[in-house]
């Protein structure tokens, strides 16, 4: 048996060739892997209702999927994660309801980038029956293709509107080039939005009443960073598992942007200049290295009585967490 669950105890039985276990509980490669002895089970106590993703490591440190567990996940990055569920992972009622019969309209844009090189793409999703010239909120969504295809944020809006739970918005799914460069506290990303994206969307396709920024992980970081600094442009931010361990220009020893040891620079910036103009939705998984930083930002907003919501989900830094969080984030902003 690959993995068994008894109450909150999850027992992993290593397959042949496995020498260690990694997953949400080790923040994958950010903490040391859990060593195993051939054939000897390893038991972890995990939160009730959790969705936990994991993989085995072989003798040279390569990750591989559990051959005895067919339960895959919504992981667009790696083929090897498998999942264990501690009881039942709760689904939002919008996901359990029938698919909406009235769909929004998707308009695809592409152009050659000026601020950042390469072909740029975006999808503008407007509510069913939207009439040009009608003002509505516009959300610029980072990692656009992932939110459109994997997260299905447009589907969330369709379902919420058909159920009479929300009002419509325009969702602009903006695809990055190099997301690490563009999203890691890079103020040039604002120049990209204002100089290249806004002119192709606003007036031409939608009429704007308010603007918001929406993103996950690094996309959540750049959304809150820019949204908090520019009240003349943005009044709403949605961040899922915001990568709030970050500092401008910080790199680790290998030259990669630092998301583990850079400190919480944005928290201090927000403490010095509270974003009183923002309405913010924050959420995170309870099984990830960014839980604490997200709690601290939410705590600051609570202390300052800023309009916001904060939610946690019993899962990791994954699209399972973020897709489950999308309905409540949308309903908070548009309900």
C-alpha atoms as a PDB file:
ATOM      1  CA  UNK A   1       0.000   0.000   0.000  1.00  0.00           C
ATOM      2  CA  UNK A   2       1.458   3.343  -1.078  1.00  0.00           C
ATOM      3  CA  UNK A   3      -0.119   5.608   1.498  1.00  0.00           C
ATOM      4  CA  UNK A   4      -2.669   4.998   4.246  1.00  0.00           C
ATOM      5  CA  UNK A   5      -4.585   7.394   6.478  1.00  0.00           C
ATOM      6  CA  UNK A   6      -5.797   6.806  10.019  1.00  0.00           C
ATOM      7  CA  UNK A   7      -7.280   9.884  11.617  1.00  0.00           C
ATOM      8  CA  UNK A   8      -4.606  12.537  11.186  1.00  0.00           C
ATOM      9  CA  UNK A   9      -1.773  10.018  10.807  1.00  0.00           C
ATOM     10  CA  UNK A  10      -0.612   9.484   7.236  1.00  0.00           C
ATOM     11  CA  UNK A  11       1.717   6.534   6.626  1.00  0.00           C
ATOM     12  CA  UNK A  12       3.911   6.521   3.525  1.00  0.00           C
ATOM     13  CA  UNK A  13       5.428   3.189   2.460  1.00  0.00           C
ATOM     14  CA  UNK A  14       8.524   3.681   0.281  1.00  0.00           C
ATOM     15  CA  UNK A  15       8.642   1.848  -3.056  1.00  0.00           C
ATOM     16  CA  UNK A  16      11.847   0.205  -4.325  1.00  0.00           C
ATOM     17  CA  UNK A  17      14.583   2.765  -4.951  1.00  0.00           C
ATOM     18  CA  UNK A  18      13.208   5.420  -2.596  1.00  0.00           C
ATOM     19  CA  UNK A  19      15.655   6.880  -0.055  1.00  0.00           C
ATOM     20  CA  UNK A  20      13.757  10.017   1.012  1.00  0.00           C
ATOM     21  CA  UNK A  21      10.350  11.670   0.999  1.00  0.00           C
ATOM     22  CA  UNK A  22       9.556  15.276   0.029  1.00  0.00           C
ATOM     23  CA  UNK A  23       6.314  17.172  -0.277  1.00  0.00           C
ATOM     24  CA  UNK A  24       4.252  20.001   1.091  1.00  0.00           C
ATOM     25  CA  UNK A  25       5.440  19.047   4.588  1.00  0.00           C
ATOM     26  CA  UNK A  26       9.073  19.776   3.631  1.00  0.00           C
ATOM     27  CA  UNK A  27       8.168  22.705   1.378  1.00  0.00           C
ATOM     28  CA  UNK A  28       9.501  20.362  -1.294  1.00  0.00           C
ATOM     29  CA  UNK A  29      13.211  21.286  -1.692  1.00  0.00           C
ATOM     30  CA  UNK A  30      13.232  24.249   0.685  1.00  0.00           C
ATOM     31  CA  UNK A  31      13.691  22.036   3.761  1.00  0.00           C
ATOM     32  CA  UNK A  32      15.707  18.800   4.071  1.00  0.00           C
ATOM     33  CA  UNK A  33      14.001  15.668   2.712  1.00  0.00           C
ATOM     34  CA  UNK A  34      12.795  13.028   5.154  1.00  0.00           C
ATOM     35  CA  UNK A  35      15.097   9.961   4.921  1.00  0.00           C
ATOM     36  CA  UNK A  36      13.527   6.513   4.748  1.00  0.00           C
ATOM     37  CA  UNK A  37      14.796   2.975   5.104  1.00  0.00           C
ATOM     38  CA  UNK A  38      13.899   0.513   2.369  1.00  0.00           C
ATOM     39  CA  UNK A  39      10.496  -0.963   3.062  1.00  0.00           C
ATOM     40  CA  UNK A  40      10.049   0.846   6.385  1.00  0.00           C
ATOM     41  CA  UNK A  41       6.921   3.066   6.540  1.00  0.00           C
ATOM     42  CA  UNK A  42       7.106   6.685   7.635  1.00  0.00           C
ATOM     43  CA  UNK A  43       4.169   8.231   9.516  1.00  0.00           C
ATOM     44  CA  UNK A  44       3.391  11.957   9.688  1.00  0.00           C
ATOM     45  CA  UNK A  45       0.614  13.715  11.584  1.00  0.00           C
ATOM     46  CA  UNK A  46      -1.082  16.212   9.277  1.00  0.00           C
ATOM     47  CA  UNK A  47      -4.082  18.552   9.541  1.00  0.00           C
ATOM     48  CA  UNK A  48      -7.547  17.060   9.370  1.00  0.00           C
ATOM     49  CA  UNK A  49      -9.101  17.585   5.945  1.00  0.00           C
ATOM     50  CA  UNK A  50      -5.696  18.230   4.324  1.00  0.00           C
ATOM     51  CA  UNK A  51      -4.780  17.626   0.697  1.00  0.00           C
ATOM     52  CA  UNK A  52      -1.083  16.711   0.817  1.00  0.00           C
ATOM     53  CA  UNK A  53       1.198  16.358  -2.199  1.00  0.00           C
ATOM     54  CA  UNK A  54       4.438  14.373  -2.072  1.00  0.00           C
ATOM     55  CA  UNK A  55       7.087  12.532  -4.091  1.00  0.00           C
ATOM     56  CA  UNK A  56       9.944  10.088  -3.469  1.00  0.00           C
ATOM     57  CA  UNK A  57      13.634  10.793  -4.039  1.00  0.00           C
ATOM     58  CA  UNK A  58      16.031   8.199  -5.410  1.00  0.00           C
ATOM     59  CA  UNK A  59      19.693   7.731  -4.444  1.00  0.00           C
ATOM     60  CA  UNK A  60      20.883  10.601  -6.653  1.00  0.00           C
ATOM     61  CA  UNK A  61      18.192  12.974  -5.408  1.00  0.00           C
ATOM     62  CA  UNK A  62      15.867  12.749  -8.401  1.00  0.00           C
ATOM     63  CA  UNK A  63      12.158  12.953  -7.598  1.00  0.00           C
ATOM     64  CA  UNK A  64       9.800  10.273  -8.867  1.00  0.00           C
ATOM     65  CA  UNK A  65       6.104   9.531  -8.522  1.00  0.00           C
ATOM     66  CA  UNK A  66       4.729   6.942  -6.126  1.00  0.00           C
ATOM     67  CA  UNK A  67       4.052   3.994  -8.461  1.00  0.00           C
ATOM     68  CA  UNK A  68       1.335   2.690  -6.136  1.00  0.00           C
ATOM     69  CA  UNK A  69      -0.691   5.893  -5.877  1.00  0.00           C
ATOM     70  CA  UNK A  70      -2.714   7.002  -8.936  1.00  0.00           C
ATOM     71  CA  UNK A  71      -3.988  10.203  -7.280  1.00  0.00           C
ATOM     72  CA  UNK A  72      -2.487  13.066  -9.296  1.00  0.00           C
ATOM     73  CA  UNK A  73      -2.921  16.770  -8.685  1.00  0.00           C
ATOM     74  CA  UNK A  74      -3.307  20.080 -10.539  1.00  0.00           C
ATOM     75  CA  UNK A  75       0.441  20.553 -10.706  1.00  0.00           C
ATOM     76  CA  UNK A  76       1.498  22.285 -13.962  1.00  0.00           C
ATOM     77  CA  UNK A  77       5.205  22.301 -13.049  1.00  0.00           C
ATOM     78  CA  UNK A  78       6.190  18.707 -12.225  1.00  0.00           C
ATOM     79  CA  UNK A  79       4.823  15.304 -13.323  1.00  0.00           C
ATOM     80  CA  UNK A  80       5.724  13.416 -10.136  1.00  0.00           C
ATOM     81  CA  UNK A  81       3.555  14.802  -7.264  1.00  0.00           C
ATOM     82  CA  UNK A  82       0.937  12.410  -5.915  1.00  0.00           C
ATOM     83  CA  UNK A  83      -1.680  13.306  -3.315  1.00  0.00           C
ATOM     84  CA  UNK A  84      -3.009  11.928  -0.059  1.00  0.00           C
ATOM     85  CA  UNK A  85      -6.210  13.210   1.534  1.00  0.00           C
ATOM     86  CA  UNK A  86      -6.546  13.289   5.320  1.00  0.00           C
ATOM     87  CA  UNK A  87     -10.251  12.543   5.518  1.00  0.00           C
ATOM     88  CA  UNK A  88     -12.051  14.753   3.010  1.00  0.00           C
ATOM     89  CA  UNK A  89     -10.707  17.912   1.406  1.00  0.00           C
ATOM     90  CA  UNK A  90     -13.651  20.335   1.411  1.00  0.00           C
ATOM     91  CA  UNK A  91     -14.811  21.741  -1.930  1.00  0.00           C
ATOM     92  CA  UNK A  92     -16.523  25.085  -2.343  1.00  0.00           C
ATOM     93  CA  UNK A  93     -20.240  24.899  -3.221  1.00  0.00           C
ATOM     94  CA  UNK A  94     -19.639  26.796  -6.480  1.00  0.00           C
ATOM     95  CA  UNK A  95     -17.390  23.960  -7.683  1.00  0.00           C
ATOM     96  CA  UNK A  96     -19.980  21.358  -6.669  1.00  0.00           C
ATOM     97  CA  UNK A  97     -22.814  23.119  -8.511  1.00  0.00           C
ATOM     98  CA  UNK A  98     -23.536  22.420 -12.197  1.00  0.00           C
ATOM     99  CA  UNK A  99     -21.435  24.285 -14.720  1.00  0.00           C
ATOM    100  CA  UNK A 100     -22.902  27.616 -15.767  1.00  0.00           C
ATOM    101  CA  UNK A 101     -24.981  27.604 -18.947  1.00  0.00           C
ATOM    102  CA  UNK A 102     -24.280  31.275 -19.703  1.00  0.00           C
ATOM    103  CA  UNK A 103     -20.607  31.810 -20.435  1.00  0.00           C
ATOM    104  CA  UNK A 104     -18.548  34.942 -20.696  1.00  0.00           C
ATOM    105  CA  UNK A 105     -16.674  36.041 -23.800  1.00  0.00           C
ATOM    106  CA  UNK A 106     -12.913  35.540 -24.225  1.00  0.00           C
ATOM    107  CA  UNK A 107     -10.936  37.898 -26.472  1.00  0.00           C
ATOM    108  CA  UNK A 108      -7.310  36.965 -27.152  1.00  0.00           C
ATOM    109  CA  UNK A 109      -4.621  39.596 -27.608  1.00  0.00           C
ATOM    110  CA  UNK A 110      -0.976  39.320 -28.672  1.00  0.00           C
ATOM    111  CA  UNK A 111       1.740  41.857 -29.416  1.00  0.00           C
ATOM    112  CA  UNK A 112       5.505  42.282 -29.437  1.00  0.00           C
ATOM    113  CA  UNK A 113       6.717  43.454 -26.045  1.00  0.00           C
ATOM    114  CA  UNK A 114       8.515  46.717 -25.512  1.00  0.00           C
ATOM    115  CA  UNK A 115       9.208  46.818 -21.772  1.00  0.00           C
ATOM    116  CA  UNK A 116      10.040  43.110 -21.679  1.00  0.00           C
ATOM    117  CA  UNK A 117      11.151  41.236 -24.822  1.00  0.00           C
ATOM    118  CA  UNK A 118       9.170  38.634 -26.724  1.00  0.00           C
ATOM    119  CA  UNK A 119       5.605  38.083 -27.831  1.00  0.00           C
ATOM    120  CA  UNK A 120       3.134  39.054 -25.101  1.00  0.00           C
ATOM    121  CA  UNK A 121      -0.320  37.541 -24.709  1.00  0.00           C
ATOM    122  CA  UNK A 122      -3.457  38.232 -22.733  1.00  0.00           C
ATOM    123  CA  UNK A 123      -7.032  36.973 -22.623  1.00  0.00           C
ATOM    124  CA  UNK A 124      -9.792  39.451 -21.797  1.00  0.00           C
ATOM    125  CA  UNK A 125     -12.814  37.676 -20.293  1.00  0.00           C
ATOM    126  CA  UNK A 126     -16.024  39.678 -19.986  1.00  0.00           C
ATOM    127  CA  UNK A 127     -19.300  38.556 -18.394  1.00  0.00           C
ATOM    128  CA  UNK A 128     -22.111  36.993 -20.397  1.00  0.00           C
ATOM    129  CA  UNK A 129     -24.121  39.733 -22.092  1.00  0.00           C
ATOM    130  CA  UNK A 130     -21.620  42.508 -21.389  1.00  0.00           C
ATOM    131  CA  UNK A 131     -22.418  45.621 -23.429  1.00  0.00           C
ATOM    132  CA  UNK A 132     -19.594  47.875 -24.545  1.00  0.00           C
ATOM    133  CA  UNK A 133     -19.524  51.163 -22.696  1.00  0.00           C
ATOM    134  CA  UNK A 134     -20.851  49.710 -19.438  1.00  0.00           C
ATOM    135  CA  UNK A 135     -18.409  50.431 -16.623  1.00  0.00           C
ATOM    136  CA  UNK A 136     -17.278  47.502 -14.493  1.00  0.00           C
ATOM    137  CA  UNK A 137     -14.289  46.506 -12.342  1.00  0.00           C
ATOM    138  CA  UNK A 138     -11.275  45.180 -14.238  1.00  0.00           C
ATOM    139  CA  UNK A 139      -8.847  42.723 -12.631  1.00  0.00           C
ATOM    140  CA  UNK A 140      -5.405  42.250 -14.172  1.00  0.00           C
ATOM    141  CA  UNK A 141      -4.532  38.623 -13.407  1.00  0.00           C
ATOM    142  CA  UNK A 142      -0.873  37.545 -13.334  1.00  0.00           C
ATOM    143  CA  UNK A 143       0.071  34.052 -14.634  1.00  0.00           C
ATOM    144  CA  UNK A 144      -2.905  34.454 -16.891  1.00  0.00           C
ATOM    145  CA  UNK A 145      -2.939  31.120 -18.729  1.00  0.00           C
ATOM    146  CA  UNK A 146      -2.700  29.183 -15.456  1.00  0.00           C
ATOM    147  CA  UNK A 147      -5.584  31.158 -13.921  1.00  0.00           C
ATOM    148  CA  UNK A 148      -7.631  30.771 -17.102  1.00  0.00           C
ATOM    149  CA  UNK A 149      -7.004  27.067 -17.783  1.00  0.00           C
ATOM    150  CA  UNK A 150      -5.991  25.467 -14.473  1.00  0.00           C
ATOM    151  CA  UNK A 151      -7.648  27.761 -11.946  1.00  0.00           C
ATOM    152  CA  UNK A 152     -10.684  28.416 -14.180  1.00  0.00           C
ATOM    153  CA  UNK A 153     -11.314  31.861 -12.732  1.00  0.00           C
ATOM    154  CA  UNK A 154     -13.594  32.721 -15.663  1.00  0.00           C
ATOM    155  CA  UNK A 155     -15.656  29.634 -14.826  1.00  0.00           C
ATOM    156  CA  UNK A 156     -15.889  30.838 -11.208  1.00  0.00           C
ATOM    157  CA  UNK A 157     -17.333  34.158 -12.388  1.00  0.00           C
ATOM    158  CA  UNK A 158     -19.801  32.419 -14.718  1.00  0.00           C
ATOM    159  CA  UNK A 159     -21.040  30.184 -11.902  1.00  0.00           C
ATOM    160  CA  UNK A 160     -21.297  33.032  -9.384  1.00  0.00           C
ATOM    161  CA  UNK A 161     -23.225  35.243 -11.804  1.00  0.00           C
ATOM    162  CA  UNK A 162     -25.631  32.496 -12.836  1.00  0.00           C
ATOM    163  CA  UNK A 163     -26.307  31.702  -9.182  1.00  0.00           C
ATOM    164  CA  UNK A 164     -27.054  35.376  -8.490  1.00  0.00           C
ATOM    165  CA  UNK A 165     -24.226  35.610  -5.960  1.00  0.00           C
ATOM    166  CA  UNK A 166     -22.096  38.298  -7.584  1.00  0.00           C
ATOM    167  CA  UNK A 167     -21.854  41.075 -10.124  1.00  0.00           C
ATOM    168  CA  UNK A 168     -19.672  40.824 -13.196  1.00  0.00           C
ATOM    169  CA  UNK A 169     -16.131  42.015 -13.805  1.00  0.00           C
ATOM    170  CA  UNK A 170     -13.612  41.966 -16.612  1.00  0.00           C
ATOM    171  CA  UNK A 171     -10.778  39.489 -16.037  1.00  0.00           C
ATOM    172  CA  UNK A 172      -7.591  40.244 -17.965  1.00  0.00           C
ATOM    173  CA  UNK A 173      -5.405  37.141 -17.904  1.00  0.00           C
ATOM    174  CA  UNK A 174      -1.886  38.445 -18.562  1.00  0.00           C
ATOM    175  CA  UNK A 175       0.769  35.856 -19.383  1.00  0.00           C
ATOM    176  CA  UNK A 176       4.333  36.577 -18.177  1.00  0.00           C
ATOM    177  CA  UNK A 177       7.550  36.137 -20.094  1.00  0.00           C
ATOM    178  CA  UNK A 178      10.084  35.558 -17.320  1.00  0.00           C
ATOM    179  CA  UNK A 179       7.845  35.595 -14.251  1.00  0.00           C
ATOM    180  CA  UNK A 180      10.765  35.630 -11.786  1.00  0.00           C
ATOM    181  CA  UNK A 181      12.137  38.789 -13.362  1.00  0.00           C
ATOM    182  CA  UNK A 182       8.803  40.504 -13.894  1.00  0.00           C
ATOM    183  CA  UNK A 183       7.091  39.674 -10.596  1.00  0.00           C
ATOM    184  CA  UNK A 184       9.911  39.899  -8.036  1.00  0.00           C
ATOM    185  CA  UNK A 185       9.247  43.479  -6.858  1.00  0.00           C
ATOM    186  CA  UNK A 186      10.025  44.826 -10.320  1.00  0.00           C
ATOM    187  CA  UNK A 187       8.530  48.314 -10.762  1.00  0.00           C
ATOM    188  CA  UNK A 188       9.013  48.004 -14.532  1.00  0.00           C
ATOM    189  CA  UNK A 189       6.079  45.609 -14.466  1.00  0.00           C
ATOM    190  CA  UNK A 190       3.864  48.626 -13.772  1.00  0.00           C
ATOM    191  CA  UNK A 191       5.295  50.294 -16.890  1.00  0.00           C
ATOM    192  CA  UNK A 192       4.389  47.148 -18.815  1.00  0.00           C
ATOM    193  CA  UNK A 193       0.811  47.212 -17.522  1.00  0.00           C
ATOM    194  CA  UNK A 194       0.219  50.924 -18.040  1.00  0.00           C
ATOM    195  CA  UNK A 195       2.109  51.215 -21.313  1.00  0.00           C
ATOM    196  CA  UNK A 196       1.194  47.975 -23.080  1.00  0.00           C
ATOM    197  CA  UNK A 197      -1.755  46.224 -21.445  1.00  0.00           C
ATOM    198  CA  UNK A 198      -4.097  49.020 -20.314  1.00  0.00           C
ATOM    199  CA  UNK A 199      -4.205  50.692 -23.761  1.00  0.00           C
ATOM    200  CA  UNK A 200      -5.189  47.404 -25.444  1.00  0.00           C
ATOM    201  CA  UNK A 201      -7.942  46.634 -22.959  1.00  0.00           C
ATOM    202  CA  UNK A 202      -9.449  49.803 -21.577  1.00  0.00           C
ATOM    203  CA  UNK A 203     -11.813  51.746 -23.801  1.00  0.00           C
ATOM    204  CA  UNK A 204     -11.233  49.311 -26.662  1.00  0.00           C
ATOM    205  CA  UNK A 205     -12.767  46.255 -24.967  1.00  0.00           C
ATOM    206  CA  UNK A 206     -14.032  47.356 -21.546  1.00  0.00           C
ATOM    207  CA  UNK A 207     -14.967  50.514 -19.673  1.00  0.00           C
ATOM    208  CA  UNK A 208     -13.314  50.647 -16.266  1.00  0.00           C
ATOM    209  CA  UNK A 209     -15.005  51.563 -12.992  1.00  0.00           C
ATOM    210  CA  UNK A 210     -12.157  50.301 -10.746  1.00  0.00           C
ATOM    211  CA  UNK A 211      -8.937  48.368 -11.267  1.00  0.00           C
ATOM    212  CA  UNK A 212      -7.647  45.404  -9.325  1.00  0.00           C
ATOM    213  CA  UNK A 213      -4.593  43.151  -9.412  1.00  0.00           C
ATOM    214  CA  UNK A 214      -4.798  39.387  -8.878  1.00  0.00           C
ATOM    215  CA  UNK A 215      -2.086  36.759  -8.547  1.00  0.00           C
ATOM    216  CA  UNK A 216      -0.630  33.721  -6.798  1.00  0.00           C
ATOM    217  CA  UNK A 217       2.827  33.307  -5.238  1.00  0.00           C
ATOM    218  CA  UNK A 218       5.139  35.761  -7.056  1.00  0.00           C
ATOM    219  CA  UNK A 219       2.047  37.047  -8.853  1.00  0.00           C
ATOM    220  CA  UNK A 220       0.508  37.819  -5.472  1.00  0.00           C
ATOM    221  CA  UNK A 221       3.705  39.581  -4.413  1.00  0.00           C
ATOM    222  CA  UNK A 222       3.786  41.943  -7.386  1.00  0.00           C
ATOM    223  CA  UNK A 223       0.021  42.523  -7.124  1.00  0.00           C
ATOM    224  CA  UNK A 224       0.141  43.684  -3.502  1.00  0.00           C
ATOM    225  CA  UNK A 225       3.400  45.584  -4.037  1.00  0.00           C
ATOM    226  CA  UNK A 226       2.070  47.641  -6.952  1.00  0.00           C
ATOM    227  CA  UNK A 227      -1.489  47.870  -5.654  1.00  0.00           C
ATOM    228  CA  UNK A 228      -0.354  49.269  -2.316  1.00  0.00           C
ATOM    229  CA  UNK A 229       1.866  51.932  -3.908  1.00  0.00           C
ATOM    230  CA  UNK A 230      -0.489  53.272  -6.548  1.00  0.00           C
ATOM    231  CA  UNK A 231      -3.850  54.430  -5.209  1.00  0.00           C
ATOM    232  CA  UNK A 232      -4.338  56.438  -8.392  1.00  0.00           C
ATOM    233  CA  UNK A 233      -4.499  53.170 -10.345  1.00  0.00           C
ATOM    234  CA  UNK A 234      -5.652  50.310  -8.112  1.00  0.00           C
ATOM    235  CA  UNK A 235      -8.252  49.863  -5.389  1.00  0.00           C
ATOM    236  CA  UNK A 236      -8.422  46.051  -5.126  1.00  0.00           C
ATOM    237  CA  UNK A 237      -5.900  43.226  -4.733  1.00  0.00           C
ATOM    238  CA  UNK A 238      -6.337  39.452  -4.547  1.00  0.00           C
ATOM    239  CA  UNK A 239      -3.300  37.430  -3.475  1.00  0.00           C
ATOM    240  CA  UNK A 240      -3.098  33.652  -3.083  1.00  0.00           C
ATOM    241  CA  UNK A 241      -0.032  32.395  -1.158  1.00  0.00           C
ATOM    242  CA  UNK A 242       1.742  35.678  -1.758  1.00  0.00           C
ATOM    243  CA  UNK A 243       5.535  35.210  -1.932  1.00  0.00           C
ATOM    244  CA  UNK A 244       6.061  37.792   0.802  1.00  0.00           C
ATOM    245  CA  UNK A 245       9.575  36.602   1.653  1.00  0.00           C
ATOM    246  CA  UNK A 246      11.259  38.989  -0.759  1.00  0.00           C
ATOM    247  CA  UNK A 247      13.439  42.083  -0.946  1.00  0.00           C
ATOM    248  CA  UNK A 248      14.342  44.157  -4.020  1.00  0.00           C
ATOM    249  CA  UNK A 249      17.406  42.691  -5.707  1.00  0.00           C
ATOM    250  CA  UNK A 250      17.779  39.764  -3.277  1.00  0.00           C
ATOM    251  CA  UNK A 251      19.425  36.647  -4.731  1.00  0.00           C
ATOM    252  CA  UNK A 252      20.542  33.402  -3.158  1.00  0.00           C
ATOM    253  CA  UNK A 253      24.053  31.927  -3.470  1.00  0.00           C
ATOM    254  CA  UNK A 254      23.251  30.477  -6.889  1.00  0.00           C
ATOM    255  CA  UNK A 255      21.962  33.797  -8.228  1.00  0.00           C
ATOM    256  CA  UNK A 256      18.270  32.841  -8.110  1.00  0.00           C
ATOM    257  CA  UNK A 257      15.738  35.270  -6.651  1.00  0.00           C
ATOM    258  CA  UNK A 258      15.488  34.698  -2.912  1.00  0.00           C
ATOM    259  CA  UNK A 259      12.073  33.560  -1.646  1.00  0.00           C
ATOM    260  CA  UNK A 260      13.266  31.868   1.552  1.00  0.00           C
ATOM    261  CA  UNK A 261      15.829  34.085   3.263  1.00  0.00           C
ATOM    262  CA  UNK A 262      15.256  37.619   1.993  1.00  0.00           C
ATOM    263  CA  UNK A 263      13.144  38.767   4.932  1.00  0.00           C
ATOM    264  CA  UNK A 264       9.710  40.370   4.843  1.00  0.00           C
ATOM    265  CA  UNK A 265      10.477  43.700   3.209  1.00  0.00           C
ATOM    266  CA  UNK A 266       6.935  44.289   1.936  1.00  0.00           C
ATOM    267  CA  UNK A 267       5.479  43.838   5.433  1.00  0.00           C
ATOM    268  CA  UNK A 268       7.684  46.665   6.697  1.00  0.00           C
ATOM    269  CA  UNK A 269       6.783  48.847   3.729  1.00  0.00           C
ATOM    270  CA  UNK A 270       3.077  48.338   4.407  1.00  0.00           C
ATOM    271  CA  UNK A 271       3.581  49.074   8.089  1.00  0.00           C
ATOM    272  CA  UNK A 272       5.266  52.383   7.210  1.00  0.00           C
ATOM    273  CA  UNK A 273       2.722  53.316   4.527  1.00  0.00           C
ATOM    274  CA  UNK A 274      -0.573  51.465   5.151  1.00  0.00           C
ATOM    275  CA  UNK A 275      -2.597  50.907   1.934  1.00  0.00           C
ATOM    276  CA  UNK A 276      -5.779  52.529   3.220  1.00  0.00           C
ATOM    277  CA  UNK A 277      -7.124  52.766  -0.345  1.00  0.00           C
ATOM    278  CA  UNK A 278      -7.097  48.980  -0.923  1.00  0.00           C
ATOM    279  CA  UNK A 279      -9.677  46.295  -0.421  1.00  0.00           C
ATOM    280  CA  UNK A 280      -7.650  43.078  -0.209  1.00  0.00           C
ATOM    281  CA  UNK A 281      -8.338  39.353  -0.275  1.00  0.00           C
ATOM    282  CA  UNK A 282      -5.510  37.212   1.102  1.00  0.00           C
ATOM    283  CA  UNK A 283      -5.298  33.454   1.483  1.00  0.00           C
ATOM    284  CA  UNK A 284      -2.663  30.765   1.787  1.00  0.00           C
ATOM    285  CA  UNK A 285      -2.182  27.070   2.322  1.00  0.00           C
ATOM    286  CA  UNK A 286      -1.498  25.908   5.866  1.00  0.00           C
ATOM    287  CA  UNK A 287       1.212  23.518   4.590  1.00  0.00           C
ATOM    288  CA  UNK A 288       3.702  25.906   3.009  1.00  0.00           C
ATOM    289  CA  UNK A 289       6.645  28.094   3.950  1.00  0.00           C
ATOM    290  CA  UNK A 290       4.654  31.241   3.178  1.00  0.00           C
ATOM    291  CA  UNK A 291       1.912  30.667   5.750  1.00  0.00           C
ATOM    292  CA  UNK A 292       3.621  32.807   8.404  1.00  0.00           C
ATOM    293  CA  UNK A 293       4.374  35.800   6.143  1.00  0.00           C
ATOM    294  CA  UNK A 294       0.786  35.805   4.859  1.00  0.00           C
ATOM    295  CA  UNK A 295      -0.565  35.625   8.403  1.00  0.00           C
ATOM    296  CA  UNK A 296       1.598  38.576   9.391  1.00  0.00           C
ATOM    297  CA  UNK A 297       0.368  40.752   6.514  1.00  0.00           C
ATOM    298  CA  UNK A 298      -3.222  39.812   7.341  1.00  0.00           C
ATOM    299  CA  UNK A 299      -2.517  40.564  11.003  1.00  0.00           C
ATOM    300  CA  UNK A 300      -1.191  44.002  10.102  1.00  0.00           C
ATOM    301  CA  UNK A 301      -4.308  44.725   8.053  1.00  0.00           C
ATOM    302  CA  UNK A 302      -6.483  43.572  10.969  1.00  0.00           C
ATOM    303  CA  UNK A 303      -4.573  45.760  13.425  1.00  0.00           C
ATOM    304  CA  UNK A 304      -5.015  48.754  11.121  1.00  0.00           C
ATOM    305  CA  UNK A 305      -8.704  47.948  10.451  1.00  0.00           C
ATOM    306  CA  UNK A 306      -8.093  47.897   6.694  1.00  0.00           C
ATOM    307  CA  UNK A 307     -10.811  46.269   4.567  1.00  0.00           C
ATOM    308  CA  UNK A 308      -9.668  42.735   3.844  1.00  0.00           C
ATOM    309  CA  UNK A 309     -10.397  39.058   4.232  1.00  0.00           C
ATOM    310  CA  UNK A 310      -7.925  36.311   5.118  1.00  0.00           C
ATOM    311  CA  UNK A 311      -8.437  32.550   4.699  1.00  0.00           C
ATOM    312  CA  UNK A 312      -6.299  29.430   5.068  1.00  0.00           C
ATOM    313  CA  UNK A 313      -6.716  26.094   3.329  1.00  0.00           C
ATOM    314  CA  UNK A 314      -5.390  22.716   4.576  1.00  0.00           C
ATOM    315  CA  UNK A 315      -3.039  22.181   1.634  1.00  0.00           C
ATOM    316  CA  UNK A 316       0.227  23.474   0.198  1.00  0.00           C
ATOM    317  CA  UNK A 317       1.665  25.898  -2.330  1.00  0.00           C
ATOM    318  CA  UNK A 318      -0.340  24.330  -5.144  1.00  0.00           C
ATOM    319  CA  UNK A 319      -3.116  24.924  -7.616  1.00  0.00           C
ATOM    320  CA  UNK A 320      -5.409  22.713  -5.531  1.00  0.00           C
ATOM    321  CA  UNK A 321      -5.178  25.371  -2.803  1.00  0.00           C
ATOM    322  CA  UNK A 322      -5.588  28.302  -5.160  1.00  0.00           C
ATOM    323  CA  UNK A 323      -8.434  26.872  -7.213  1.00  0.00           C
ATOM    324  CA  UNK A 324     -10.327  26.156  -4.002  1.00  0.00           C
ATOM    325  CA  UNK A 325      -9.664  29.729  -2.842  1.00  0.00           C
ATOM    326  CA  UNK A 326     -10.884  31.403  -6.041  1.00  0.00           C
ATOM    327  CA  UNK A 327     -14.642  31.316  -5.312  1.00  0.00           C
ATOM    328  CA  UNK A 328     -14.364  33.030  -1.926  1.00  0.00           C
ATOM    329  CA  UNK A 329     -11.914  35.590  -3.300  1.00  0.00           C
ATOM    330  CA  UNK A 330     -14.258  36.412  -6.187  1.00  0.00           C
ATOM    331  CA  UNK A 331     -17.326  36.526  -3.945  1.00  0.00           C
ATOM    332  CA  UNK A 332     -15.516  38.816  -1.500  1.00  0.00           C
ATOM    333  CA  UNK A 333     -14.654  41.237  -4.281  1.00  0.00           C
ATOM    334  CA  UNK A 334     -17.818  40.966  -6.380  1.00  0.00           C
ATOM    335  CA  UNK A 335     -20.463  39.340  -4.149  1.00  0.00           C
END
